[in-house]
PDB file of N, CA and C in Angstrom:
ATOM      1  N   UNK A   1       2.265 -15.431 -10.171  1.00  0.00           N
ATOM      2  CA  UNK A   1       1.719 -14.093 -10.134  1.00  0.00           C
ATOM      3  C   UNK A   1       0.302 -14.161  -9.585  1.00  0.00           C
ATOM      4  N   UNK A   2       0.062 -13.399  -8.543  1.00  0.00           N
ATOM      5  CA  UNK A   2      -1.277 -13.442  -7.971  1.00  0.00           C
ATOM      6  C   UNK A   2      -1.535 -12.212  -7.125  1.00  0.00           C
ATOM      7  N   UNK A   3      -2.815 -11.966  -6.938  1.00  0.00           N
ATOM      8  CA  UNK A   3      -3.205 -10.866  -6.070  1.00  0.00           C
ATOM      9  C   UNK A   3      -2.813 -11.154  -4.623  1.00  0.00           C
ATOM     10  N   UNK A   4      -2.801 -12.431  -4.244  1.00  0.00           N
ATOM     11  CA  UNK A   4      -2.381 -12.778  -2.875  1.00  0.00           C
ATOM     12  C   UNK A   4      -0.932 -12.360  -2.648  1.00  0.00           C
ATOM     13  N   UNK A   5      -0.086 -12.581  -3.638  1.00  0.00           N
ATOM     14  CA  UNK A   5       1.316 -12.168  -3.541  1.00  0.00           C
ATOM     15  C   UNK A   5       1.414 -10.645  -3.452  1.00  0.00           C
ATOM     16  N   UNK A   6       0.596  -9.949  -4.239  1.00  0.00           N
ATOM     17  CA  UNK A   6       0.608  -8.490  -4.230  1.00  0.00           C
ATOM     18  C   UNK A   6       0.173  -7.965  -2.858  1.00  0.00           C
ATOM     19  N   UNK A   7      -0.843  -8.581  -2.264  1.00  0.00           N
ATOM     20  CA  UNK A   7      -1.305  -8.177  -0.935  1.00  0.00           C
ATOM     21  C   UNK A   7      -0.233  -8.453   0.117  1.00  0.00           C
ATOM     22  N   UNK A   8       0.440  -9.586   0.001  1.00  0.00           N
ATOM     23  CA  UNK A   8       1.523  -9.913   0.931  1.00  0.00           C
ATOM     24  C   UNK A   8       2.663  -8.907   0.789  1.00  0.00           C
ATOM     25  N   UNK A   9       2.947  -8.512  -0.440  1.00  0.00           N
ATOM     26  CA  UNK A   9       3.974  -7.501  -0.698  1.00  0.00           C
ATOM     27  C   UNK A   9       3.602  -6.193   0.004  1.00  0.00           C
ATOM     28  N   UNK A  10       2.349  -5.753  -0.149  1.00  0.00           N
ATOM     29  CA  UNK A  10       1.919  -4.507   0.488  1.00  0.00           C
ATOM     30  C   UNK A  10       2.007  -4.591   2.004  1.00  0.00           C
ATOM     31  N   UNK A  11       1.645  -5.738   2.558  1.00  0.00           N
ATOM     32  CA  UNK A  11       1.745  -5.911   4.008  1.00  0.00           C
ATOM     33  C   UNK A  11       3.194  -5.748   4.466  1.00  0.00           C
ATOM     34  N   UNK A  12       4.105  -6.335   3.719  1.00  0.00           N
ATOM     35  CA  UNK A  12       5.514  -6.195   4.091  1.00  0.00           C
ATOM     36  C   UNK A  12       5.957  -4.748   3.945  1.00  0.00           C
ATOM     37  N   UNK A  13       5.488  -4.072   2.903  1.00  0.00           N
ATOM     38  CA  UNK A  13       5.843  -2.668   2.716  1.00  0.00           C
ATOM     39  C   UNK A  13       5.323  -1.823   3.882  1.00  0.00           C
ATOM     40  N   UNK A  14       4.132  -2.146   4.376  1.00  0.00           N
ATOM     41  CA  UNK A  14       3.557  -1.372   5.476  1.00  0.00           C
ATOM     42  C   UNK A  14       4.262  -1.651   6.795  1.00  0.00           C
ATOM     43  N   UNK A  15       4.787  -2.854   6.960  1.00  0.00           N
ATOM     44  CA  UNK A  15       5.306  -3.268   8.264  1.00  0.00           C
ATOM     45  C   UNK A  15       6.823  -3.348   8.372  1.00  0.00           C
ATOM     46  N   UNK A  16       7.523  -3.249   7.262  1.00  0.00           N
ATOM     47  CA  UNK A  16       8.977  -3.404   7.269  1.00  0.00           C
ATOM     48  C   UNK A  16       9.606  -2.164   6.647  1.00  0.00           C
ATOM     49  N   UNK A  17       9.995  -1.219   7.504  1.00  0.00           N
ATOM     50  CA  UNK A  17      10.540   0.050   7.022  1.00  0.00           C
ATOM     51  C   UNK A  17      11.792  -0.140   6.172  1.00  0.00           C
ATOM     52  N   UNK A  18      12.663  -1.032   6.566  1.00  0.00           N
ATOM     53  CA  UNK A  18      13.903  -1.254   5.818  1.00  0.00           C
ATOM     54  C   UNK A  18      13.589  -1.765   4.406  1.00  0.00           C
ATOM     55  N   UNK A  19      12.653  -2.701   4.313  1.00  0.00           N
ATOM     56  CA  UNK A  19      12.253  -3.231   3.007  1.00  0.00           C
ATOM     57  C   UNK A  19      11.631  -2.118   2.160  1.00  0.00           C
ATOM     58  N   UNK A  20      10.732  -1.328   2.754  1.00  0.00           N
ATOM     59  CA  UNK A  20      10.090  -0.239   2.016  1.00  0.00           C
ATOM     60  C   UNK A  20      11.119   0.754   1.502  1.00  0.00           C
ATOM     61  N   UNK A  21      12.072   1.127   2.335  1.00  0.00           N
ATOM     62  CA  UNK A  21      13.103   2.073   1.920  1.00  0.00           C
ATOM     63  C   UNK A  21      13.943   1.497   0.788  1.00  0.00           C
ATOM     64  N   UNK A  22      14.219   0.183   0.855  1.00  0.00           N
ATOM     65  CA  UNK A  22      14.975  -0.468  -0.216  1.00  0.00           C
ATOM     66  C   UNK A  22      14.224  -0.421  -1.532  1.00  0.00           C
ATOM     67  N   UNK A  23      12.942  -0.698  -1.495  1.00  0.00           N
ATOM     68  CA  UNK A  23      12.131  -0.700  -2.718  1.00  0.00           C
ATOM     69  C   UNK A  23      12.015   0.714  -3.276  1.00  0.00           C
ATOM     70  N   UNK A  24      11.672   1.656  -2.430  1.00  0.00           N
ATOM     71  CA  UNK A  24      11.461   3.033  -2.880  1.00  0.00           C
ATOM     72  C   UNK A  24      12.774   3.682  -3.326  1.00  0.00           C
ATOM     73  N   UNK A  25      13.881   3.235  -2.771  1.00  0.00           N
ATOM     74  CA  UNK A  25      15.181   3.802  -3.120  1.00  0.00           C
ATOM     75  C   UNK A  25      15.654   3.456  -4.516  1.00  0.00           C
ATOM     76  N   UNK A  26      14.999   2.519  -5.173  1.00  0.00           N
ATOM     77  CA  UNK A  26      15.374   2.131  -6.532  1.00  0.00           C
ATOM     78  C   UNK A  26      14.566   2.989  -7.496  1.00  0.00           C
ATOM     79  N   UNK A  27      15.251   3.779  -8.314  1.00  0.00           N
ATOM     80  CA  UNK A  27      14.552   4.739  -9.167  1.00  0.00           C
ATOM     81  C   UNK A  27      13.921   4.117 -10.402  1.00  0.00           C
ATOM     82  N   UNK A  28      14.540   3.126 -10.987  1.00  0.00           N
ATOM     83  CA  UNK A  28      14.054   2.522 -12.224  1.00  0.00           C
ATOM     84  C   UNK A  28      12.992   1.464 -11.915  1.00  0.00           C
ATOM     85  N   UNK A  29      11.828   1.549 -12.570  1.00  0.00           N
ATOM     86  CA  UNK A  29      10.722   0.636 -12.290  1.00  0.00           C
ATOM     87  C   UNK A  29      11.115  -0.813 -12.571  1.00  0.00           C
ATOM     88  N   UNK A  30      11.794  -1.052 -13.681  1.00  0.00           N
ATOM     89  CA  UNK A  30      12.179  -2.426 -14.028  1.00  0.00           C
ATOM     90  C   UNK A  30      13.111  -3.019 -12.968  1.00  0.00           C
ATOM     91  N   UNK A  31      14.097  -2.247 -12.543  1.00  0.00           N
ATOM     92  CA  UNK A  31      15.022  -2.707 -11.501  1.00  0.00           C
ATOM     93  C   UNK A  31      14.290  -2.905 -10.182  1.00  0.00           C
ATOM     94  N   UNK A  32      13.342  -2.010  -9.896  1.00  0.00           N
ATOM     95  CA  UNK A  32      12.548  -2.121  -8.680  1.00  0.00           C
ATOM     96  C   UNK A  32      11.743  -3.419  -8.677  1.00  0.00           C
ATOM     97  N   UNK A  33      11.124  -3.752  -9.825  1.00  0.00           N
ATOM     98  CA  UNK A  33      10.342  -4.980  -9.915  1.00  0.00           C
ATOM     99  C   UNK A  33      11.245  -6.216  -9.797  1.00  0.00           C
ATOM    100  N   UNK A  34      12.451  -6.149 -10.345  1.00  0.00           N
ATOM    101  CA  UNK A  34      13.398  -7.260 -10.190  1.00  0.00           C
ATOM    102  C   UNK A  34      13.739  -7.466  -8.720  1.00  0.00           C
ATOM    103  N   UNK A  35      13.967  -6.383  -7.999  1.00  0.00           N
ATOM    104  CA  UNK A  35      14.270  -6.455  -6.567  1.00  0.00           C
ATOM    105  C   UNK A  35      13.104  -7.085  -5.809  1.00  0.00           C
ATOM    106  N   UNK A  36      11.884  -6.651  -6.129  1.00  0.00           N
ATOM    107  CA  UNK A  36      10.690  -7.184  -5.468  1.00  0.00           C
ATOM    108  C   UNK A  36      10.597  -8.688  -5.705  1.00  0.00           C
ATOM    109  N   UNK A  37      10.864  -9.122  -6.926  1.00  0.00           N
ATOM    110  CA  UNK A  37      10.817 -10.558  -7.242  1.00  0.00           C
ATOM    111  C   UNK A  37      11.926 -11.322  -6.511  1.00  0.00           C
ATOM    112  N   UNK A  38      13.112 -10.717  -6.427  1.00  0.00           N
ATOM    113  CA  UNK A  38      14.216 -11.377  -5.692  1.00  0.00           C
ATOM    114  C   UNK A  38      13.876 -11.542  -4.217  1.00  0.00           C
ATOM    115  N   UNK A  39      13.046 -10.659  -3.700  1.00  0.00           N
ATOM    116  CA  UNK A  39      12.631 -10.738  -2.299  1.00  0.00           C
ATOM    117  C   UNK A  39      11.521 -11.756  -2.084  1.00  0.00           C
ATOM    118  N   UNK A  40      11.124 -12.452  -3.179  1.00  0.00           N
ATOM    119  CA  UNK A  40      10.178 -13.550  -3.035  1.00  0.00           C
ATOM    120  C   UNK A  40       8.748 -13.271  -3.442  1.00  0.00           C
ATOM    121  N   UNK A  41       8.490 -12.130  -4.060  1.00  0.00           N
ATOM    122  CA  UNK A  41       7.140 -11.780  -4.460  1.00  0.00           C
ATOM    123  C   UNK A  41       6.997 -11.936  -5.971  1.00  0.00           C
ATOM    124  N   UNK A  42       6.214 -12.922  -6.377  1.00  0.00           N
ATOM    125  CA  UNK A  42       5.990 -13.200  -7.797  1.00  0.00           C
ATOM    126  C   UNK A  42       4.789 -12.386  -8.258  1.00  0.00           C
ATOM    127  N   UNK A  43       5.021 -11.088  -8.527  1.00  0.00           N
ATOM    128  CA  UNK A  43       3.947 -10.162  -8.873  1.00  0.00           C
ATOM    129  C   UNK A  43       4.329  -9.308 -10.072  1.00  0.00           C
ATOM    130  N   UNK A  44       3.312  -8.739 -10.685  1.00  0.00           N
ATOM    131  CA  UNK A  44       3.527  -7.760 -11.743  1.00  0.00           C
ATOM    132  C   UNK A  44       3.226  -6.376 -11.186  1.00  0.00           C
ATOM    133  N   UNK A  45       3.664  -5.361 -11.896  1.00  0.00           N
ATOM    134  CA  UNK A  45       3.349  -4.006 -11.449  1.00  0.00           C
ATOM    135  C   UNK A  45       1.847  -3.753 -11.494  1.00  0.00           C
ATOM    136  N   UNK A  46       1.148  -4.367 -12.439  1.00  0.00           N
ATOM    137  CA  UNK A  46      -0.304  -4.237 -12.517  1.00  0.00           C
ATOM    138  C   UNK A  46      -0.997  -4.820 -11.305  1.00  0.00           C
ATOM    139  N   UNK A  47      -0.520  -5.981 -10.842  1.00  0.00           N
ATOM    140  CA  UNK A  47      -1.109  -6.602  -9.649  1.00  0.00           C
ATOM    141  C   UNK A  47      -0.869  -5.738  -8.415  1.00  0.00           C
ATOM    142  N   UNK A  48       0.317  -5.147  -8.338  1.00  0.00           N
ATOM    143  CA  UNK A  48       0.606  -4.254  -7.212  1.00  0.00           C
ATOM    144  C   UNK A  48      -0.318  -3.043  -7.269  1.00  0.00           C
ATOM    145  N   UNK A  49      -0.501  -2.483  -8.456  1.00  0.00           N
ATOM    146  CA  UNK A  49      -1.389  -1.335  -8.611  1.00  0.00           C
ATOM    147  C   UNK A  49      -2.801  -1.677  -8.149  1.00  0.00           C
ATOM    148  N   UNK A  50      -3.327  -2.832  -8.582  1.00  0.00           N
ATOM    149  CA  UNK A  50      -4.680  -3.230  -8.182  1.00  0.00           C
ATOM    150  C   UNK A  50      -4.770  -3.479  -6.676  1.00  0.00           C
ATOM    151  N   UNK A  51      -3.739  -4.072  -6.104  1.00  0.00           N
ATOM    152  CA  UNK A  51      -3.723  -4.303  -4.658  1.00  0.00           C
ATOM    153  C   UNK A  51      -3.685  -2.972  -3.904  1.00  0.00           C
ATOM    154  N   UNK A  52      -2.940  -1.991  -4.440  1.00  0.00           N
ATOM    155  CA  UNK A  52      -2.910  -0.660  -3.828  1.00  0.00           C
ATOM    156  C   UNK A  52      -4.294  -0.024  -3.866  1.00  0.00           C
ATOM    157  N   UNK A  53      -4.963  -0.129  -4.996  1.00  0.00           N
ATOM    158  CA  UNK A  53      -6.312   0.439  -5.118  1.00  0.00           C
ATOM    159  C   UNK A  53      -7.276  -0.232  -4.137  1.00  0.00           C
ATOM    160  N   UNK A  54      -7.201  -1.564  -4.048  1.00  0.00           N
ATOM    161  CA  UNK A  54      -8.052  -2.289  -3.101  1.00  0.00           C
ATOM    162  C   UNK A  54      -7.765  -1.862  -1.665  1.00  0.00           C
ATOM    163  N   UNK A  55      -6.483  -1.720  -1.333  1.00  0.00           N
ATOM    164  CA  UNK A  55      -6.105  -1.332   0.026  1.00  0.00           C
ATOM    165  C   UNK A  55      -6.626   0.063   0.345  1.00  0.00           C
ATOM    166  N   UNK A  56      -6.548   0.973  -0.620  1.00  0.00           N
ATOM    167  CA  UNK A  56      -7.068   2.322  -0.397  1.00  0.00           C
ATOM    168  C   UNK A  56      -8.572   2.283  -0.164  1.00  0.00           C
ATOM    169  N   UNK A  57      -9.298   1.510  -0.974  1.00  0.00           N
ATOM    170  CA  UNK A  57     -10.747   1.401  -0.809  1.00  0.00           C
ATOM    171  C   UNK A  57     -11.094   0.799   0.546  1.00  0.00           C
ATOM    172  N   UNK A  58     -10.398  -0.266   0.926  1.00  0.00           N
ATOM    173  CA  UNK A  58     -10.662  -0.921   2.210  1.00  0.00           C
ATOM    174  C   UNK A  58     -10.365   0.002   3.374  1.00  0.00           C
ATOM    175  N   UNK A  59      -9.281   0.748   3.297  1.00  0.00           N
ATOM    176  CA  UNK A  59      -8.923   1.645   4.385  1.00  0.00           C
ATOM    177  C   UNK A  59      -9.932   2.768   4.498  1.00  0.00           C
ATOM    178  N   UNK A  60     -10.399   3.296   3.371  1.00  0.00           N
ATOM    179  CA  UNK A  60     -11.409   4.352   3.419  1.00  0.00           C
ATOM    180  C   UNK A  60     -12.708   3.832   4.012  1.00  0.00           C
ATOM    181  N   UNK A  61     -13.104   2.617   3.657  1.00  0.00           N
ATOM    182  CA  UNK A  61     -14.330   2.019   4.194  1.00  0.00           C
ATOM    183  C   UNK A  61     -14.210   1.837   5.694  1.00  0.00           C
ATOM    184  N   UNK A  62     -13.076   1.294   6.156  1.00  0.00           N
ATOM    185  CA  UNK A  62     -12.877   1.067   7.589  1.00  0.00           C
ATOM    186  C   UNK A  62     -12.838   2.367   8.361  1.00  0.00           C
ATOM    187  N   UNK A  63     -12.214   3.417   7.786  1.00  0.00           N
ATOM    188  CA  UNK A  63     -12.106   4.683   8.517  1.00  0.00           C
ATOM    189  C   UNK A  63     -13.447   5.393   8.621  1.00  0.00           C
ATOM    190  N   UNK A  64     -14.425   5.018   7.827  1.00  0.00           N
ATOM    191  CA  UNK A  64     -15.739   5.634   7.888  1.00  0.00           C
ATOM    192  C   UNK A  64     -16.701   4.871   8.804  1.00  0.00           C
ATOM    193  N   UNK A  65     -16.261   3.772   9.390  1.00  0.00           N
ATOM    194  CA  UNK A  65     -17.112   3.011  10.313  1.00  0.00           C
ATOM    195  C   UNK A  65     -17.142   3.744  11.645  1.00  0.00           C
ATOM    196  N   UNK A  66     -18.286   4.282  12.076  1.00  0.00           N
ATOM    197  CA  UNK A  66     -18.323   4.989  13.346  1.00  0.00           C
ATOM    198  C   UNK A  66     -18.155   4.036  14.527  1.00  0.00           C
ATOM    199  N   UNK A  67     -17.233   4.380  15.385  1.00  0.00           N
ATOM    200  CA  UNK A  67     -17.049   3.614  16.620  1.00  0.00           C
ATOM    201  C   UNK A  67     -16.433   4.539  17.660  1.00  0.00           C
ATOM    202  N   UNK A  68     -16.847   4.390  18.886  1.00  0.00           N
ATOM    203  CA  UNK A  68     -16.298   5.212  19.957  1.00  0.00           C
ATOM    204  C   UNK A  68     -16.444   6.687  19.653  1.00  0.00           C
ATOM    205  N   UNK A  69     -15.342   7.411  19.789  1.00  0.00           N
ATOM    206  CA  UNK A  69     -15.343   8.853  19.555  1.00  0.00           C
ATOM    207  C   UNK A  69     -15.696   9.150  18.103  1.00  0.00           C
ATOM    208  N   UNK A  70     -15.250   8.299  17.174  1.00  0.00           N
ATOM    209  CA  UNK A  70     -15.590   8.540  15.770  1.00  0.00           C
ATOM    210  C   UNK A  70     -17.098   8.534  15.574  1.00  0.00           C
ATOM    211  N   UNK A  71     -17.789   7.674  16.284  1.00  0.00           N
ATOM    212  CA  UNK A  71     -19.239   7.630  16.176  1.00  0.00           C
ATOM    213  C   UNK A  71     -19.873   8.916  16.666  1.00  0.00           C
ATOM    214  N   UNK A  72     -19.318   9.480  17.726  1.00  0.00           N
ATOM    215  CA  UNK A  72     -19.837  10.733  18.273  1.00  0.00           C
ATOM    216  C   UNK A  72     -19.569  11.880  17.313  1.00  0.00           C
ATOM    217  N   UNK A  73     -18.416  11.844  16.675  1.00  0.00           N
ATOM    218  CA  UNK A  73     -18.013  12.919  15.773  1.00  0.00           C
ATOM    219  C   UNK A  73     -18.280  12.560  14.315  1.00  0.00           C
ATOM    220  N   UNK A  74     -19.276  11.735  14.060  1.00  0.00           N
ATOM    221  CA  UNK A  74     -19.527  11.211  12.714  1.00  0.00           C
ATOM    222  C   UNK A  74     -19.796  12.307  11.696  1.00  0.00           C
ATOM    223  N   UNK A  75     -20.235  13.485  12.126  1.00  0.00           N
ATOM    224  CA  UNK A  75     -20.506  14.558  11.170  1.00  0.00           C
ATOM    225  C   UNK A  75     -19.226  15.205  10.660  1.00  0.00           C
ATOM    226  N   UNK A  76     -18.138  14.994  11.353  1.00  0.00           N
ATOM    227  CA  UNK A  76     -16.868  15.580  10.934  1.00  0.00           C
ATOM    228  C   UNK A  76     -16.154  14.614  10.001  1.00  0.00           C
ATOM    229  N   UNK A  77     -15.476  15.134   8.973  1.00  0.00           N
ATOM    230  CA  UNK A  77     -14.748  14.228   8.083  1.00  0.00           C
ATOM    231  C   UNK A  77     -13.622  13.536   8.837  1.00  0.00           C
ATOM    232  N   UNK A  78     -13.462  12.253   8.573  1.00  0.00           N
ATOM    233  CA  UNK A  78     -12.415  11.506   9.264  1.00  0.00           C
ATOM    234  C   UNK A  78     -11.065  11.765   8.612  1.00  0.00           C
ATOM    235  N   UNK A  79     -10.026  11.678   9.420  1.00  0.00           N
ATOM    236  CA  UNK A  79      -8.667  11.840   8.920  1.00  0.00           C
ATOM    237  C   UNK A  79      -8.208  10.524   8.310  1.00  0.00           C
ATOM    238  N   UNK A  80      -7.406  10.579   7.261  1.00  0.00           N
ATOM    239  CA  UNK A  80      -6.899   9.328   6.704  1.00  0.00           C
ATOM    240  C   UNK A  80      -5.978   8.638   7.717  1.00  0.00           C
ATOM    241  N   UNK A  81      -6.033   7.330   7.746  1.00  0.00           N
ATOM    242  CA  UNK A  81      -5.189   6.591   8.675  1.00  0.00           C
ATOM    243  C   UNK A  81      -3.745   6.615   8.213  1.00  0.00           C
ATOM    244  N   UNK A  82      -2.850   6.254   9.114  1.00  0.00           N
ATOM    245  CA  UNK A  82      -1.434   6.176   8.761  1.00  0.00           C
ATOM    246  C   UNK A  82      -1.214   5.167   7.642  1.00  0.00           C
ATOM    247  N   UNK A  83      -1.970   4.059   7.683  1.00  0.00           N
ATOM    248  CA  UNK A  83      -1.830   3.046   6.633  1.00  0.00           C
ATOM    249  C   UNK A  83      -2.222   3.616   5.281  1.00  0.00           C
ATOM    250  N   UNK A  84      -3.290   4.409   5.227  1.00  0.00           N
ATOM    251  CA  UNK A  84      -3.723   5.004   3.961  1.00  0.00           C
ATOM    252  C   UNK A  84      -2.678   5.992   3.455  1.00  0.00           C
ATOM    253  N   UNK A  85      -2.092   6.769   4.342  1.00  0.00           N
ATOM    254  CA  UNK A  85      -1.046   7.707   3.936  1.00  0.00           C
ATOM    255  C   UNK A  85       0.145   6.959   3.357  1.00  0.00           C
ATOM    256  N   UNK A  86       0.497   5.851   3.977  1.00  0.00           N
ATOM    257  CA  UNK A  86       1.616   5.047   3.481  1.00  0.00           C
ATOM    258  C   UNK A  86       1.267   4.419   2.136  1.00  0.00           C
ATOM    259  N   UNK A  87       0.039   3.978   1.969  1.00  0.00           N
ATOM    260  CA  UNK A  87      -0.409   3.405   0.701  1.00  0.00           C
ATOM    261  C   UNK A  87      -0.355   4.466  -0.394  1.00  0.00           C
ATOM    262  N   UNK A  88      -0.768   5.693  -0.075  1.00  0.00           N
ATOM    263  CA  UNK A  88      -0.684   6.776  -1.055  1.00  0.00           C
ATOM    264  C   UNK A  88       0.759   7.039  -1.460  1.00  0.00           C
ATOM    265  N   UNK A  89       1.666   7.034  -0.484  1.00  0.00           N
ATOM    266  CA  UNK A  89       3.083   7.209  -0.790  1.00  0.00           C
ATOM    267  C   UNK A  89       3.559   6.112  -1.733  1.00  0.00           C
ATOM    268  N   UNK A  90       3.180   4.876  -1.431  1.00  0.00           N
ATOM    269  CA  UNK A  90       3.573   3.762  -2.285  1.00  0.00           C
ATOM    270  C   UNK A  90       3.035   3.938  -3.700  1.00  0.00           C
ATOM    271  N   UNK A  91       1.780   4.347  -3.814  1.00  0.00           N
ATOM    272  CA  UNK A  91       1.170   4.509  -5.132  1.00  0.00           C
ATOM    273  C   UNK A  91       1.906   5.590  -5.933  1.00  0.00           C
ATOM    274  N   UNK A  92       2.330   6.654  -5.266  1.00  0.00           N
ATOM    275  CA  UNK A  92       3.016   7.745  -5.956  1.00  0.00           C
ATOM    276  C   UNK A  92       4.430   7.378  -6.367  1.00  0.00           C
ATOM    277  N   UNK A  93       5.124   6.648  -5.509  1.00  0.00           N
ATOM    278  CA  UNK A  93       6.540   6.392  -5.730  1.00  0.00           C
ATOM    279  C   UNK A  93       6.810   5.041  -6.395  1.00  0.00           C
ATOM    280  N   UNK A  94       6.130   4.024  -5.963  1.00  0.00           N
ATOM    281  CA  UNK A  94       6.471   2.663  -6.344  1.00  0.00           C
ATOM    282  C   UNK A  94       6.391   2.406  -7.836  1.00  0.00           C
ATOM    283  N   UNK A  95       5.332   2.825  -8.480  1.00  0.00           N
ATOM    284  CA  UNK A  95       5.099   2.443  -9.863  1.00  0.00           C
ATOM    285  C   UNK A  95       5.420   3.543 -10.872  1.00  0.00           C
ATOM    286  N   UNK A  96       6.020   4.636 -10.424  1.00  0.00           N
ATOM    287  CA  UNK A  96       6.371   5.714 -11.352  1.00  0.00           C
ATOM    288  C   UNK A  96       7.759   5.472 -11.927  1.00  0.00           C
ATOM    289  N   UNK A  97       7.897   5.747 -13.218  1.00  0.00           N
ATOM    290  CA  UNK A  97       9.239   5.581 -13.847  1.00  0.00           C
ATOM    291  C   UNK A  97      10.213   6.622 -13.342  1.00  0.00           C
TER     292      UNK A  97
END
């Protein structure tokens, strides 16, 4: 059990639509966690939650870095990235009973 495993799990969730759909398609949290472990991720739901929070913080920090057009439009609020939207979806669905 480690945060590294939780981060690797999130990366796979962000990049592998079939895997994400499989995980989200399981309604029961306990069964969902068993599936995640069978897929090779030795994590707890708490570690996943903390990794989700870290990913949200990191994505918000990166999206606020002015560069190119964003730098010119720095006074306007930035839109959340696709990765942040996906992380929010995971946070809402993944760990809810």
